């Protein structure tokens, strides 16, 4: 770098523009050992490419842009990379789903395109989690809409929202008095079950272990896990809260949308008054009963393990109950009628599509 680009890096203060599509690889997947970079702790090669680009970019007026995995805006290990991108620069994050349409035919993962430009009064903006079909691709970029994002963020995520309504809802959730983590027990107790993967547009929480059989014998799926509650009498309310449209919205704007991790659950906040709401408990019981009644056993034949039979839930059939749950939650969170309507109808085109009937 010093020899080949001395006139640019040393005399002119760096490159005016850097653009790229860095390798989506972990350090363990490459044949050399990077050194001297703060992003080494992320173990992501694209993070190191971003840091090196920032080092050779003109700090006064330089701009850079890269296409990277969506994790850049929603995983703990990317906090340092976010800081490097945004340091002294106004930054725009555009976030793209991989279904039904995707940016690259051969890349089955969600992606973020960031653009960062030197600015004396830097700010940050983000789009929502953008979904589209292949026949509307030409309209994708002309219709991007960005929402301002605080630079003093309370957690590791850059919220993937795109309207003042969403910003207002997020503010109310973040100001709620309790987090789910405060109700989780490490000593055992009543369990809430969920699947760590699967369920493209729905996340399923139950107070019972879903049925699972391997070659005719009862067992548990490797995708199934659970957490325990401090108080057993909160299980119905917790299922209602985490099954709500509000939680799906929260999960969408804060997570990588690939896995359901403990941090995705524990960080969700709710008003303490929910814990005493008898109507929410009643709706939670109705919801659990309804998803059980609508469930079926999904049978798969796998070469390595044999025949698996898994209880599959069609949550879209229980959407009317979830809407009642969100109406109750809106009162606790102080959401307006407009905000409640937004939450109930969030992602509805994809969540209620006929192709989702097989989703868990």
Protein backbone atom coordinates (compact mmCIF):
# COMPACT_ATOMS: atom_id res chain seq x y z
CA UNK A 1 0.00 0.00 0.00
CA UNK A 2 2.76 2.43 0.96
CA UNK A 3 4.71 1.76 -2.24
CA UNK A 4 1.91 1.40 -4.78
CA UNK A 5 -0.36 4.18 -3.54
CA UNK A 6 2.06 6.55 -1.80
CA UNK A 7 0.81 9.59 -3.70
CA UNK A 8 -2.79 8.89 -2.72
CA UNK A 9 -2.49 7.58 0.85
CA UNK A 10 0.40 9.74 2.08
CA UNK A 11 0.25 12.93 0.02
CA UNK A 12 -3.49 13.30 -0.62
CA UNK A 13 -4.71 11.87 2.67
CA UNK A 14 -6.33 8.77 1.20
CA UNK A 15 -8.76 7.65 -1.48
CA UNK A 16 -11.79 9.73 -2.38
CA UNK A 17 -14.04 6.71 -2.92
CA UNK A 18 -13.82 3.04 -1.94
CA UNK A 19 -16.47 0.53 -2.98
CA UNK A 20 -16.48 -3.22 -2.64
CA UNK A 21 -18.08 -6.60 -2.12
CA UNK A 22 -15.70 -8.17 0.42
CA UNK A 23 -15.49 -11.92 1.13
CA UNK A 24 -18.26 -13.24 3.38
CA UNK A 25 -15.80 -15.49 5.23
CA UNK A 26 -14.65 -16.21 8.77
CA UNK A 27 -10.94 -16.06 9.67
CA UNK A 28 -10.88 -19.85 10.00
CA UNK A 29 -11.78 -20.11 6.30
CA UNK A 30 -8.78 -18.18 4.94
CA UNK A 31 -5.17 -19.23 4.56
CA UNK A 32 -3.47 -16.33 6.34
CA UNK A 33 -3.57 -14.56 9.69
CA UNK A 34 -4.64 -10.90 9.68
CA UNK A 35 -2.82 -8.70 12.18
CA UNK A 36 -3.00 -5.22 13.66
CA UNK A 37 -6.75 -4.70 13.25
CA UNK A 38 -9.29 -3.99 15.99
CA UNK A 39 -11.92 -5.97 14.07
CA UNK A 40 -9.94 -9.20 14.48
CA UNK A 41 -12.20 -10.02 17.44
CA UNK A 42 -15.17 -10.21 15.08
CA UNK A 43 -13.51 -13.09 13.16
CA UNK A 44 -15.28 -11.76 10.03
CA UNK A 45 -13.09 -11.01 7.01
CA UNK A 46 -15.50 -8.41 5.66
CA UNK A 47 -15.21 -6.45 8.93
CA UNK A 48 -11.44 -6.31 8.47
CA UNK A 49 -11.86 -5.14 4.87
CA UNK A 50 -14.07 -2.33 6.16
CA UNK A 51 -11.50 -1.31 8.80
CA UNK A 52 -8.65 -1.32 6.29
CA UNK A 53 -10.74 0.72 3.86
CA UNK A 54 -11.40 3.31 6.56
CA UNK A 55 -7.66 3.57 7.19
CA UNK A 56 -6.86 4.48 3.59
CA UNK A 57 -9.96 6.64 2.98
CA UNK A 58 -9.65 10.42 2.94
CA UNK A 59 -11.03 11.48 6.33
CA UNK A 60 -12.01 14.96 5.17
CA UNK A 61 -14.20 14.14 2.19
CA UNK A 62 -13.95 10.42 1.42
CA UNK A 63 -16.91 8.09 0.79
CA UNK A 64 -17.11 4.30 0.99
CA UNK A 65 -19.77 1.72 0.27
CA UNK A 66 -19.89 -2.07 0.50
CA UNK A 67 -22.34 -4.94 0.18
CA UNK A 68 -22.05 -7.11 3.29
CA UNK A 69 -24.09 -9.67 5.25
CA UNK A 70 -27.07 -8.29 7.18
CA UNK A 71 -25.31 -9.18 10.43
CA UNK A 72 -23.43 -5.88 10.13
CA UNK A 73 -26.45 -4.11 11.64
CA UNK A 74 -27.75 -6.71 14.09
CA UNK A 75 -25.10 -8.81 15.82
CA UNK A 76 -23.05 -8.16 18.93
CA UNK A 77 -19.71 -8.77 17.26
CA UNK A 78 -20.33 -5.99 14.73
CA UNK A 79 -20.52 -3.11 17.23
CA UNK A 80 -16.90 -2.19 16.57
CA UNK A 81 -17.40 -2.35 12.81
CA UNK A 82 -20.46 -0.09 13.02
CA UNK A 83 -18.36 2.42 14.97
CA UNK A 84 -15.64 2.38 12.30
CA UNK A 85 -18.13 2.92 9.48
CA UNK A 86 -19.95 5.76 11.23
CA UNK A 87 -16.93 7.54 12.72
CA UNK A 88 -16.98 11.05 11.24
CA UNK A 89 -19.34 9.96 8.46
CA UNK A 90 -23.03 10.20 7.69
CA UNK A 91 -24.09 6.61 7.06
CA UNK A 92 -27.00 4.99 5.25
CA UNK A 93 -27.79 1.28 5.78
CA UNK A 94 -30.06 -0.43 3.21
CA UNK A 95 -31.26 -3.86 4.36
CA UNK A 96 -32.46 -6.52 1.93
CA UNK A 97 -34.19 -9.86 2.50
CA UNK A 98 -33.34 -12.98 0.51
CA UNK A 99 -36.91 -14.22 0.03
CA UNK A 100 -38.95 -14.03 -2.08
CA UNK A 101 -36.51 -11.92 -4.17
CA UNK A 102 -32.76 -11.62 -3.53
CA UNK A 103 -30.01 -9.27 -4.67
CA UNK A 104 -27.82 -12.05 -6.09
CA UNK A 105 -29.22 -15.29 -7.48
CA UNK A 106 -26.43 -17.38 -5.94
CA UNK A 107 -26.44 -15.75 -2.49
CA UNK A 108 -29.09 -17.18 -0.18
CA UNK A 109 -28.68 -14.69 2.64
CA UNK A 110 -29.91 -11.29 3.66
CA UNK A 111 -27.59 -8.41 2.79
CA UNK A 112 -26.91 -4.82 3.77
CA UNK A 113 -25.51 -2.13 1.52
CA UNK A 114 -23.98 0.72 3.49
CA UNK A 115 -22.89 4.10 2.15
CA UNK A 116 -20.76 6.31 4.41
CA UNK A 117 -19.59 9.81 3.56
CA UNK A 118 -17.38 12.19 5.54
CA UNK A 119 -19.45 14.83 7.33
CA UNK A 120 -18.65 17.36 10.02
CA UNK A 121 -22.05 16.70 11.62
CA UNK A 122 -22.51 12.96 10.98
CA UNK A 123 -25.81 11.14 11.33
CA UNK A 124 -27.13 7.62 10.64
CA UNK A 125 -30.10 6.36 8.63
CA UNK A 126 -31.56 2.93 7.95
CA UNK A 127 -34.21 1.30 5.80
CA UNK A 128 -36.58 -1.39 6.96
CA UNK A 129 -36.05 -5.06 6.13
CA UNK A 130 -36.95 -4.87 2.46
CA UNK A 131 -38.74 -7.75 0.75
CA UNK A 132 -39.67 -7.83 -2.91
CA UNK A 133 -40.48 -10.22 -5.73
CA UNK A 134 -38.26 -10.68 -8.76
CA UNK A 135 -40.73 -8.98 -11.10
CA UNK A 136 -40.53 -5.72 -9.09
CA UNK A 137 -36.73 -5.63 -8.87
CA UNK A 138 -36.41 -2.54 -11.08
CA UNK A 139 -38.45 -0.57 -8.53
CA UNK A 140 -36.30 -1.64 -5.57
CA UNK A 141 -33.65 1.09 -5.40
CA UNK A 142 -35.75 4.05 -6.60
CA UNK A 143 -38.15 3.42 -3.70
CA UNK A 144 -35.69 3.17 -0.82
CA UNK A 145 -36.81 5.13 2.23
CA UNK A 146 -34.55 5.89 5.18
CA UNK A 147 -35.40 6.64 8.80
CA UNK A 148 -33.03 8.50 11.10
CA UNK A 149 -31.32 6.29 13.71
CA UNK A 150 -29.83 7.46 16.98
CA UNK A 151 -26.05 7.28 17.28
CA UNK A 152 -26.41 6.56 21.01
CA UNK A 153 -27.99 3.15 20.62
CA UNK A 154 -28.95 1.10 23.68
CA UNK A 155 -27.82 -2.18 22.19
CA UNK A 156 -25.85 -3.74 19.34
CA UNK A 157 -28.48 -3.35 16.62
CA UNK A 158 -29.11 -0.62 14.09
CA UNK A 159 -32.92 -0.79 13.92
CA UNK A 160 -34.23 -1.83 10.52
CA UNK A 161 -37.19 0.54 10.46
CA UNK A 162 -38.28 3.05 7.85
CA UNK A 163 -40.95 5.36 9.21
CA UNK A 164 -41.59 7.79 12.08
CA UNK A 165 -44.36 5.43 13.24
CA UNK A 166 -41.86 2.62 13.70
CA UNK A 167 -39.39 4.94 15.43
CA UNK A 168 -42.13 5.92 17.88
CA UNK A 169 -43.08 2.29 18.59
CA UNK A 170 -39.44 1.37 19.14
CA UNK A 171 -39.05 4.23 21.59
CA UNK A 172 -42.02 2.96 23.61
CA UNK A 173 -40.73 -0.61 23.67
CA UNK A 174 -37.25 0.45 24.75
CA UNK A 175 -38.70 2.58 27.56
CA UNK A 176 -40.86 -0.25 28.95
CA UNK A 177 -40.06 -1.10 32.56
CA UNK A 178 -39.07 -4.76 32.27
CA UNK A 179 -37.14 -7.10 29.97
CA UNK A 180 -37.97 -10.74 29.35
CA UNK A 181 -34.55 -11.57 30.80
CA UNK A 182 -35.82 -10.50 34.24
CA UNK A 183 -38.45 -13.25 34.14
CA UNK A 184 -36.03 -15.98 32.98
CA UNK A 185 -34.81 -18.39 35.64
CA UNK A 186 -31.55 -20.34 35.66
CA UNK A 187 -32.90 -22.60 38.42
CA UNK A 188 -35.50 -24.39 36.30
CA UNK A 189 -39.27 -24.04 36.47
CA UNK A 190 -42.09 -23.68 33.96
CA UNK A 191 -40.59 -23.87 30.47
CA UNK A 192 -41.32 -21.92 27.30
CA UNK A 193 -40.35 -23.83 24.14
CA UNK A 194 -39.29 -22.42 20.79
CA UNK A 195 -37.40 -23.41 17.65
CA UNK A 196 -34.04 -21.82 17.01
CA UNK A 197 -34.41 -22.00 13.22
CA UNK A 198 -37.23 -22.27 10.68
CA UNK A 199 -40.53 -20.44 10.50
CA UNK A 200 -39.78 -17.89 7.82
CA UNK A 201 -42.45 -15.36 8.82
CA UNK A 202 -43.55 -16.73 12.22
CA UNK A 203 -41.85 -17.54 15.50
CA UNK A 204 -43.62 -20.16 17.60
CA UNK A 205 -43.55 -20.15 21.39
CA UNK A 206 -45.41 -22.79 23.42
CA UNK A 207 -45.71 -23.84 27.06
CA UNK A 208 -45.39 -27.49 26.03
CA UNK A 209 -42.73 -29.48 24.20
CA UNK A 210 -43.91 -30.01 20.61
CA UNK A 211 -44.23 -33.64 19.54
CA UNK A 212 -41.22 -35.12 17.81
CA UNK A 213 -40.42 -38.65 16.71
CA UNK A 214 -37.31 -40.13 15.15
CA UNK A 215 -37.88 -43.43 13.39
CA UNK A 216 -41.04 -43.96 15.41
CA UNK A 217 -39.51 -43.19 18.81
CA UNK A 218 -40.37 -40.11 20.86
CA UNK A 219 -37.60 -37.58 21.27
CA UNK A 220 -36.80 -33.92 20.79
CA UNK A 221 -35.70 -31.95 17.76
CA UNK A 222 -32.19 -30.52 17.66
CA UNK A 223 -33.84 -27.27 16.57
CA UNK A 224 -35.98 -27.14 19.71
CA UNK A 225 -34.89 -25.42 22.90
CA UNK A 226 -36.50 -23.72 25.89
CA UNK A 227 -36.05 -21.31 28.74
CA UNK A 228 -37.51 -21.40 32.24
CA UNK A 229 -39.64 -18.79 33.99
CA UNK A 230 -39.27 -17.56 37.55
CA UNK A 231 -43.04 -17.72 37.99
CA UNK A 232 -45.17 -20.46 36.46
CA UNK A 233 -48.27 -18.25 36.48
CA UNK A 234 -46.67 -16.03 33.81
CA UNK A 235 -46.39 -18.74 31.15
CA UNK A 236 -49.65 -17.94 29.31
CA UNK A 237 -48.86 -14.24 29.27
CA UNK A 238 -45.30 -14.90 28.09
CA UNK A 239 -46.51 -17.06 25.21
CA UNK A 240 -49.00 -14.34 24.26
CA UNK A 241 -46.33 -11.61 24.47
CA UNK A 242 -43.72 -13.46 22.41
CA UNK A 243 -46.28 -14.76 19.93
CA UNK A 244 -47.64 -11.28 19.28
CA UNK A 245 -47.35 -9.28 16.07
CA UNK A 246 -45.47 -6.71 18.15
CA UNK A 247 -42.76 -9.21 18.99
CA UNK A 248 -42.48 -10.30 15.35
CA UNK A 249 -41.92 -6.66 14.40
CA UNK A 250 -39.29 -6.32 17.15
CA UNK A 251 -37.54 -9.51 16.01
CA UNK A 252 -37.53 -8.27 12.41
CA UNK A 253 -36.00 -4.87 13.10
CA UNK A 254 -33.39 -6.05 15.64
CA UNK A 255 -32.20 -9.54 14.62
CA UNK A 256 -30.37 -11.29 11.78
CA UNK A 257 -33.63 -13.10 10.84
CA UNK A 258 -31.77 -16.38 10.43
CA UNK A 259 -31.84 -17.78 13.94
CA UNK A 260 -33.80 -17.15 17.12
CA UNK A 261 -31.18 -16.54 19.79
CA UNK A 262 -31.59 -15.96 23.54
CA UNK A 263 -30.57 -12.32 23.07
CA UNK A 264 -33.46 -11.86 20.62
CA UNK A 265 -35.85 -12.92 23.39
CA UNK A 266 -34.23 -11.61 26.55
CA UNK A 267 -33.84 -8.06 25.24
CA UNK A 268 -37.52 -7.58 24.44
CA UNK A 269 -39.07 -5.12 26.92
CA UNK A 270 -42.62 -4.90 28.22
CA UNK A 271 -44.59 -2.80 30.74
CA UNK A 272 -44.80 -4.45 34.17
CA UNK A 273 -48.60 -4.14 34.21
CA UNK A 274 -48.76 -6.98 31.67
CA UNK A 275 -47.88 -9.43 34.44
CA UNK A 276 -51.24 -8.81 36.14
CA UNK A 277 -53.46 -8.64 33.06
CA UNK A 278 -56.02 -11.45 33.39
CA UNK A 279 -57.34 -10.81 29.87
CA UNK A 280 -53.86 -11.37 28.44
CA UNK A 281 -53.64 -14.64 30.37
CA UNK A 282 -57.00 -15.69 28.95
CA UNK A 283 -55.93 -14.86 25.39
CA UNK A 284 -52.65 -16.70 25.91
CA UNK A 285 -54.58 -19.85 26.87
CA UNK A 286 -56.85 -19.45 23.81
CA UNK A 287 -53.86 -19.02 21.54
CA UNK A 288 -52.12 -22.13 22.88
CA UNK A 289 -55.29 -24.18 22.53
CA UNK A 290 -55.84 -22.89 18.99
CA UNK A 291 -52.34 -23.61 17.66
CA UNK A 292 -52.55 -27.11 19.11
CA UNK A 293 -55.86 -27.73 17.33
CA UNK A 294 -54.45 -26.44 14.02
CA UNK A 295 -51.15 -28.32 14.20
CA UNK A 296 -50.21 -31.32 12.07
CA UNK A 297 -47.33 -33.79 12.08
CA UNK A 298 -44.80 -33.04 9.38
CA UNK A 299 -42.95 -36.14 8.18
CA UNK A 300 -39.54 -35.96 6.50
CA UNK A 301 -37.16 -38.66 5.29
CA UNK A 302 -33.49 -37.80 5.74
CA UNK A 303 -30.61 -39.91 4.48
CA UNK A 304 -28.47 -39.52 7.58
CA UNK A 305 -31.05 -39.82 10.36
CA UNK A 306 -34.07 -41.56 8.86
CA UNK A 307 -37.72 -40.58 9.31
CA UNK A 308 -38.57 -37.60 11.47
CA UNK A 309 -42.08 -36.54 12.47
CA UNK A 310 -42.39 -33.01 13.86
CA UNK A 311 -45.41 -31.12 15.18
CA UNK A 312 -45.91 -28.26 12.73
CA UNK A 313 -47.89 -25.13 13.58
CA UNK A 314 -49.92 -23.00 11.18
CA UNK A 315 -49.87 -19.77 13.15
CA UNK A 316 -51.55 -17.81 10.36
CA UNK A 317 -54.80 -19.57 11.29
CA UNK A 318 -54.55 -18.03 14.77
CA UNK A 319 -53.93 -14.47 13.52
CA UNK A 320 -57.32 -13.15 14.82
CA UNK A 321 -56.32 -14.15 18.36
CA UNK A 322 -52.92 -12.53 17.94
CA UNK A 323 -54.64 -9.32 16.83
CA UNK A 324 -56.65 -9.34 20.06
CA UNK A 325 -53.44 -9.84 21.99
CA UNK A 326 -51.83 -6.86 20.27
CA UNK A 327 -54.87 -4.72 20.99
CA UNK A 328 -54.39 -5.46 24.69
CA UNK A 329 -50.65 -4.87 24.50
CA UNK A 330 -51.19 -1.52 22.77
CA UNK A 331 -52.93 -0.25 25.90
CA UNK A 332 -50.01 -1.24 28.08
CA UNK A 333 -47.38 0.25 25.78
CA UNK A 334 -49.41 3.39 25.12
CA UNK A 335 -49.56 2.85 21.36
CA UNK A 336 -51.85 5.05 19.31
CA UNK A 337 -54.57 3.67 17.04
CA UNK A 338 -52.30 4.32 14.06
CA UNK A 339 -49.40 2.47 15.69
CA UNK A 340 -51.60 -0.48 16.63
CA UNK A 341 -52.91 -0.70 13.07
CA UNK A 342 -49.33 -0.68 11.78
CA UNK A 343 -48.32 -3.53 14.10
CA UNK A 344 -51.34 -5.71 13.33
CA UNK A 345 -50.76 -5.33 9.59
CA UNK A 346 -46.96 -5.44 9.67
CA UNK A 347 -45.58 -7.84 7.04
CA UNK A 348 -49.10 -9.16 6.48
CA UNK A 349 -48.64 -9.65 2.73
CA UNK A 350 -45.94 -12.24 3.35
CA UNK A 351 -47.10 -13.66 6.68
CA UNK A 352 -50.61 -14.47 5.44
CA UNK A 353 -49.64 -15.67 1.96
CA UNK A 354 -50.88 -19.12 0.95
CA UNK A 355 -47.30 -20.34 0.57
CA UNK A 356 -46.84 -20.03 4.32
CA UNK A 357 -49.23 -22.78 5.26
CA UNK A 358 -46.36 -25.24 5.52
CA UNK A 359 -44.25 -22.96 7.71
CA UNK A 360 -43.71 -23.83 11.33
